[in-house]
Amino acid sequence: MLKTSLPLVYADADEIFLAIDYQRRTWSGNSFELPDEFFRWIVELDHEHKIQIYEDDFYDKNLTVKENDTRERNLLGARMGAGGWHVQIDSDEYFVDFSMFVEKKIIKII
């Protein structure tokens, strides 16, 4: 899914953050694997060096799945820093006409 969604925004994004649980756990605590091929693909795609891999502990056993989701989004937002536009898109979501979105936001700011 990310191989479809990420190229749709790559050209027009200033920075791209990929948040990955450092222990490879989902919000419900299940384990998952990321093959080395995934990271090789990121390097190949990222010819403009826009992509930052942000690894952290996004699973808290004391929280619900939804709370862990919100927690990860908040941690990611803090990592991206204050100011500017932050658009968070899940890997299974596709941003339709991202370049038009960026263009309209720039026009409104100017």
N, C-alpha and C. Protein backbone atom coordinates (compact mmCIF):
# COMPACT_ATOMS: atom_id res chain seq x y z
N MET A 1 0.81 -1.19 0.00
CA MET A 1 0.00 0.00 0.00
C MET A 1 0.86 1.26 0.00
N LEU A 2 1.91 1.27 0.80
CA LEU A 2 2.78 2.44 0.86
C LEU A 2 3.47 2.67 -0.49
N LYS A 3 3.71 1.59 -1.22
CA LYS A 3 4.34 1.72 -2.53
C LYS A 3 3.43 2.43 -3.52
N THR A 4 2.15 2.48 -3.23
CA THR A 4 1.21 3.24 -4.05
C THR A 4 1.00 4.64 -3.49
N SER A 5 0.81 4.74 -2.18
CA SER A 5 0.45 6.04 -1.59
C SER A 5 1.61 7.02 -1.51
N LEU A 6 2.80 6.55 -1.21
CA LEU A 6 3.94 7.45 -1.02
C LEU A 6 4.36 8.18 -2.30
N PRO A 7 4.46 7.51 -3.44
CA PRO A 7 4.82 8.23 -4.66
C PRO A 7 3.81 9.32 -5.05
N LEU A 8 2.57 9.21 -4.61
CA LEU A 8 1.56 10.21 -4.94
C LEU A 8 1.84 11.56 -4.29
N VAL A 9 2.58 11.58 -3.20
CA VAL A 9 2.85 12.84 -2.49
C VAL A 9 4.32 13.23 -2.52
N TYR A 10 5.19 12.32 -2.93
CA TYR A 10 6.63 12.54 -2.80
C TYR A 10 7.10 13.84 -3.46
N ALA A 11 6.75 14.07 -4.69
CA ALA A 11 7.28 15.22 -5.44
C ALA A 11 6.92 16.55 -4.80
N ASP A 12 5.75 16.65 -4.19
CA ASP A 12 5.28 17.93 -3.67
C ASP A 12 5.47 18.11 -2.17
N ALA A 13 5.92 17.09 -1.48
CA ALA A 13 6.14 17.19 -0.03
C ALA A 13 7.52 17.77 0.24
N ASP A 14 7.61 18.60 1.28
CA ASP A 14 8.91 19.11 1.70
C ASP A 14 9.68 18.06 2.50
N GLU A 15 8.96 17.39 3.39
CA GLU A 15 9.52 16.33 4.22
C GLU A 15 8.48 15.23 4.35
N ILE A 16 8.96 14.02 4.54
CA ILE A 16 8.08 12.88 4.75
C ILE A 16 8.63 12.10 5.94
N PHE A 17 7.77 11.84 6.90
CA PHE A 17 8.14 11.06 8.07
C PHE A 17 7.40 9.73 8.01
N LEU A 18 8.12 8.65 8.21
CA LEU A 18 7.51 7.34 8.33
C LEU A 18 7.69 6.89 9.78
N ALA A 19 6.57 6.73 10.48
CA ALA A 19 6.61 6.33 11.88
C ALA A 19 6.50 4.81 11.97
N ILE A 20 7.48 4.20 12.63
CA ILE A 20 7.53 2.74 12.75
C ILE A 20 7.84 2.40 14.21
N ASP A 21 7.06 1.49 14.76
CA ASP A 21 7.33 1.04 16.12
C ASP A 21 8.68 0.32 16.16
N TYR A 22 9.55 0.76 17.04
CA TYR A 22 10.91 0.21 17.05
C TYR A 22 10.96 -1.26 17.46
N GLN A 23 9.93 -1.72 18.16
CA GLN A 23 9.88 -3.14 18.52
C GLN A 23 8.99 -3.92 17.54
N ARG A 24 8.55 -3.23 16.49
CA ARG A 24 7.71 -3.83 15.44
C ARG A 24 6.44 -4.43 16.04
N ARG A 25 5.72 -3.56 16.78
CA ARG A 25 4.44 -3.96 17.36
C ARG A 25 3.34 -3.05 16.82
N THR A 26 2.16 -3.62 16.66
CA THR A 26 1.00 -2.85 16.24
C THR A 26 0.41 -2.15 17.46
N TRP A 27 -0.62 -1.36 17.24
CA TRP A 27 -1.28 -0.67 18.36
C TRP A 27 -1.95 -1.65 19.31
N SER A 28 -2.21 -2.86 18.86
CA SER A 28 -2.79 -3.88 19.74
C SER A 28 -1.73 -4.78 20.36
N GLY A 29 -0.46 -4.53 20.04
CA GLY A 29 0.63 -5.28 20.65
C GLY A 29 1.10 -6.48 19.85
N ASN A 30 0.49 -6.73 18.71
CA ASN A 30 0.92 -7.84 17.86
C ASN A 30 2.23 -7.50 17.16
N SER A 31 3.05 -8.50 16.95
CA SER A 31 4.33 -8.30 16.27
C SER A 31 4.15 -8.30 14.76
N PHE A 32 5.02 -7.57 14.09
CA PHE A 32 5.05 -7.59 12.62
C PHE A 32 6.50 -7.48 12.17
N GLU A 33 6.73 -7.81 10.93
CA GLU A 33 8.08 -7.74 10.37
C GLU A 33 8.12 -6.75 9.22
N LEU A 34 9.23 -6.09 9.09
CA LEU A 34 9.50 -5.24 7.93
C LEU A 34 10.72 -5.82 7.25
N PRO A 35 10.55 -6.35 6.05
CA PRO A 35 11.71 -6.94 5.38
C PRO A 35 12.72 -5.87 4.96
N ASP A 36 13.97 -6.28 4.83
CA ASP A 36 15.02 -5.36 4.40
C ASP A 36 14.67 -4.72 3.06
N GLU A 37 13.93 -5.43 2.24
CA GLU A 37 13.51 -4.92 0.93
C GLU A 37 12.74 -3.60 1.08
N PHE A 38 11.95 -3.49 2.13
CA PHE A 38 11.19 -2.26 2.37
C PHE A 38 12.13 -1.06 2.50
N PHE A 39 13.16 -1.21 3.31
CA PHE A 39 14.09 -0.10 3.53
C PHE A 39 14.92 0.19 2.28
N ARG A 40 15.24 -0.84 1.51
CA ARG A 40 15.94 -0.62 0.23
C ARG A 40 15.05 0.17 -0.73
N TRP A 41 13.76 -0.16 -0.75
CA TRP A 41 12.82 0.56 -1.61
C TRP A 41 12.74 2.04 -1.20
N ILE A 42 12.71 2.31 0.10
CA ILE A 42 12.68 3.70 0.58
C ILE A 42 13.91 4.45 0.09
N VAL A 43 15.07 3.86 0.20
CA VAL A 43 16.31 4.50 -0.25
C VAL A 43 16.26 4.78 -1.75
N GLU A 44 15.76 3.83 -2.53
CA GLU A 44 15.65 4.01 -3.98
C GLU A 44 14.67 5.13 -4.33
N LEU A 45 13.56 5.17 -3.64
CA LEU A 45 12.54 6.20 -3.91
C LEU A 45 13.01 7.58 -3.49
N ASP A 46 13.74 7.66 -2.41
CA ASP A 46 14.06 8.94 -1.77
C ASP A 46 15.28 9.62 -2.40
N HIS A 47 15.20 9.92 -3.69
CA HIS A 47 16.32 10.55 -4.39
C HIS A 47 16.53 12.01 -3.99
N GLU A 48 15.53 12.61 -3.34
CA GLU A 48 15.67 14.00 -2.87
C GLU A 48 15.92 14.07 -1.36
N HIS A 49 16.08 12.95 -0.72
CA HIS A 49 16.38 12.86 0.72
C HIS A 49 15.34 13.59 1.57
N LYS A 50 14.08 13.32 1.30
CA LYS A 50 12.96 13.92 2.03
C LYS A 50 12.44 13.02 3.15
N ILE A 51 12.72 11.74 3.06
CA ILE A 51 12.09 10.77 3.96
C ILE A 51 12.93 10.56 5.22
N GLN A 52 12.25 10.69 6.35
CA GLN A 52 12.88 10.42 7.64
C GLN A 52 12.13 9.26 8.30
N ILE A 53 12.86 8.27 8.72
CA ILE A 53 12.27 7.15 9.46
C ILE A 53 12.29 7.53 10.94
N TYR A 54 11.10 7.57 11.52
CA TYR A 54 10.97 7.90 12.94
C TYR A 54 10.56 6.62 13.67
N GLU A 55 11.47 6.07 14.46
CA GLU A 55 11.18 4.86 15.22
C GLU A 55 11.03 5.22 16.70
N ASP A 56 9.98 4.70 17.30
CA ASP A 56 9.70 4.98 18.70
C ASP A 56 8.86 3.83 19.24
N ASP A 57 8.56 3.87 20.52
CA ASP A 57 7.71 2.86 21.15
C ASP A 57 6.28 3.37 21.10
N PHE A 58 5.52 2.93 20.10
CA PHE A 58 4.16 3.43 19.90
C PHE A 58 3.10 2.55 20.55
N TYR A 59 3.50 1.45 21.15
CA TYR A 59 2.55 0.57 21.82
C TYR A 59 2.67 0.72 23.32
N ASP A 60 1.54 0.98 23.97
CA ASP A 60 1.47 1.03 25.42
C ASP A 60 0.39 0.05 25.85
N LYS A 61 0.76 -0.98 26.57
CA LYS A 61 -0.19 -2.04 26.95
C LYS A 61 -1.34 -1.52 27.81
N ASN A 62 -1.19 -0.35 28.41
CA ASN A 62 -2.23 0.21 29.26
C ASN A 62 -3.26 1.03 28.48
N LEU A 63 -3.05 1.15 27.17
CA LEU A 63 -3.95 1.94 26.34
C LEU A 63 -4.72 1.05 25.37
N THR A 64 -5.86 1.55 24.92
CA THR A 64 -6.63 0.85 23.89
C THR A 64 -5.96 1.05 22.54
N VAL A 65 -6.42 0.30 21.56
CA VAL A 65 -5.89 0.44 20.20
C VAL A 65 -6.06 1.88 19.72
N LYS A 66 -7.24 2.43 19.92
CA LYS A 66 -7.51 3.81 19.48
C LYS A 66 -6.61 4.81 20.21
N GLU A 67 -6.40 4.59 21.50
CA GLU A 67 -5.53 5.48 22.27
C GLU A 67 -4.07 5.38 21.80
N ASN A 68 -3.64 4.17 21.45
CA ASN A 68 -2.28 4.00 20.91
C ASN A 68 -2.15 4.67 19.55
N ASP A 69 -3.19 4.61 18.75
CA ASP A 69 -3.21 5.30 17.45
C ASP A 69 -3.03 6.80 17.67
N THR A 70 -3.84 7.36 18.56
CA THR A 70 -3.76 8.79 18.86
C THR A 70 -2.40 9.15 19.43
N ARG A 71 -1.89 8.31 20.30
CA ARG A 71 -0.58 8.55 20.91
C ARG A 71 0.51 8.61 19.84
N GLU A 72 0.49 7.66 18.92
CA GLU A 72 1.49 7.67 17.84
C GLU A 72 1.38 8.93 17.00
N ARG A 73 0.17 9.33 16.66
CA ARG A 73 -0.02 10.54 15.85
C ARG A 73 0.49 11.78 16.60
N ASN A 74 0.24 11.84 17.89
CA ASN A 74 0.73 12.98 18.68
C ASN A 74 2.25 12.99 18.78
N LEU A 75 2.84 11.83 19.00
CA LEU A 75 4.31 11.74 19.04
C LEU A 75 4.91 12.12 17.69
N LEU A 76 4.29 11.66 16.62
CA LEU A 76 4.76 12.01 15.28
C LEU A 76 4.63 13.51 15.03
N GLY A 77 3.50 14.10 15.44
CA GLY A 77 3.33 15.54 15.29
C GLY A 77 4.39 16.31 16.04
N ALA A 78 4.70 15.88 17.24
CA ALA A 78 5.75 16.54 18.02
C ALA A 78 7.10 16.40 17.33
N ARG A 79 7.34 15.24 16.74
CA ARG A 79 8.61 15.00 16.04
C ARG A 79 8.73 15.91 14.80
N MET A 80 7.61 16.15 14.13
CA MET A 80 7.62 17.00 12.94
C MET A 80 7.86 18.46 13.28
N GLY A 81 7.57 18.84 14.51
CA GLY A 81 7.86 20.20 14.95
C GLY A 81 6.70 21.16 14.76
N ALA A 82 6.87 22.32 15.35
CA ALA A 82 5.83 23.35 15.31
C ALA A 82 5.88 24.11 13.98
N GLY A 83 4.75 24.66 13.62
CA GLY A 83 4.67 25.50 12.43
C GLY A 83 4.48 24.72 11.16
N GLY A 84 3.98 25.39 10.16
CA GLY A 84 3.78 24.78 8.85
C GLY A 84 2.58 23.85 8.83
N TRP A 85 2.41 23.21 7.71
CA TRP A 85 1.32 22.26 7.52
C TRP A 85 1.84 20.85 7.75
N HIS A 86 1.13 20.09 8.57
CA HIS A 86 1.44 18.68 8.80
C HIS A 86 0.24 17.87 8.34
N VAL A 87 0.45 17.05 7.36
CA VAL A 87 -0.62 16.19 6.86
C VAL A 87 -0.22 14.75 7.18
N GLN A 88 -1.02 14.08 7.99
CA GLN A 88 -0.73 12.68 8.33
C GLN A 88 -1.64 11.79 7.49
N ILE A 89 -1.01 10.89 6.75
CA ILE A 89 -1.73 9.97 5.88
C ILE A 89 -1.31 8.56 6.25
N ASP A 90 -2.27 7.70 6.50
CA ASP A 90 -1.96 6.29 6.77
C ASP A 90 -1.47 5.63 5.48
N SER A 91 -0.72 4.56 5.63
CA SER A 91 -0.13 3.89 4.46
C SER A 91 -1.18 3.33 3.51
N ASP A 92 -2.39 3.09 4.01
CA ASP A 92 -3.44 2.56 3.15
C ASP A 92 -4.37 3.65 2.63
N GLU A 93 -4.00 4.90 2.81
CA GLU A 93 -4.79 6.02 2.31
C GLU A 93 -4.05 6.67 1.15
N TYR A 94 -4.82 7.18 0.20
CA TYR A 94 -4.24 7.81 -0.98
C TYR A 94 -4.71 9.25 -1.07
N PHE A 95 -3.78 10.17 -1.17
CA PHE A 95 -4.10 11.59 -1.27
C PHE A 95 -4.33 11.91 -2.75
N VAL A 96 -5.56 12.25 -3.08
CA VAL A 96 -5.90 12.56 -4.47
C VAL A 96 -5.49 13.99 -4.77
N ASP A 97 -4.67 14.17 -5.79
CA ASP A 97 -4.21 15.47 -6.29
C ASP A 97 -3.52 16.29 -5.20
N PHE A 98 -2.52 15.70 -4.60
CA PHE A 98 -1.75 16.38 -3.55
C PHE A 98 -1.12 17.67 -4.07
N SER A 99 -0.66 17.67 -5.32
CA SER A 99 -0.03 18.88 -5.87
C SER A 99 -1.01 20.05 -5.89
N MET A 100 -2.27 19.81 -6.18
CA MET A 100 -3.28 20.88 -6.16
C MET A 100 -3.51 21.36 -4.73
N PHE A 101 -3.54 20.45 -3.78
CA PHE A 101 -3.69 20.81 -2.38
C PHE A 101 -2.55 21.73 -1.94
N VAL A 102 -1.33 21.35 -2.28
CA VAL A 102 -0.16 22.14 -1.92
C VAL A 102 -0.22 23.51 -2.58
N GLU A 103 -0.57 23.54 -3.85
CA GLU A 103 -0.66 24.80 -4.59
C GLU A 103 -1.68 25.74 -3.95
N LYS A 104 -2.84 25.24 -3.59
CA LYS A 104 -3.88 26.08 -2.98
C LYS A 104 -3.44 26.59 -1.62
N LYS A 105 -2.75 25.78 -0.84
CA LYS A 105 -2.30 26.23 0.48
C LYS A 105 -1.24 27.32 0.34
N ILE A 106 -0.37 27.20 -0.65
CA ILE A 106 0.66 28.23 -0.86
C ILE A 106 0.02 29.54 -1.29
N ILE A 107 -0.96 29.47 -2.18
CA ILE A 107 -1.64 30.68 -2.64
C ILE A 107 -2.33 31.38 -1.48
N LYS A 108 -3.00 30.64 -0.60
CA LYS A 108 -3.70 31.25 0.53
C LYS A 108 -2.73 31.87 1.53
N ILE A 109 -1.56 31.29 1.69
CA ILE A 109 -0.58 31.83 2.64
C ILE A 109 0.02 33.12 2.12
N ILE A 110 0.27 33.18 0.81
CA ILE A 110 0.87 34.38 0.21
C ILE A 110 -0.14 35.46 0.24
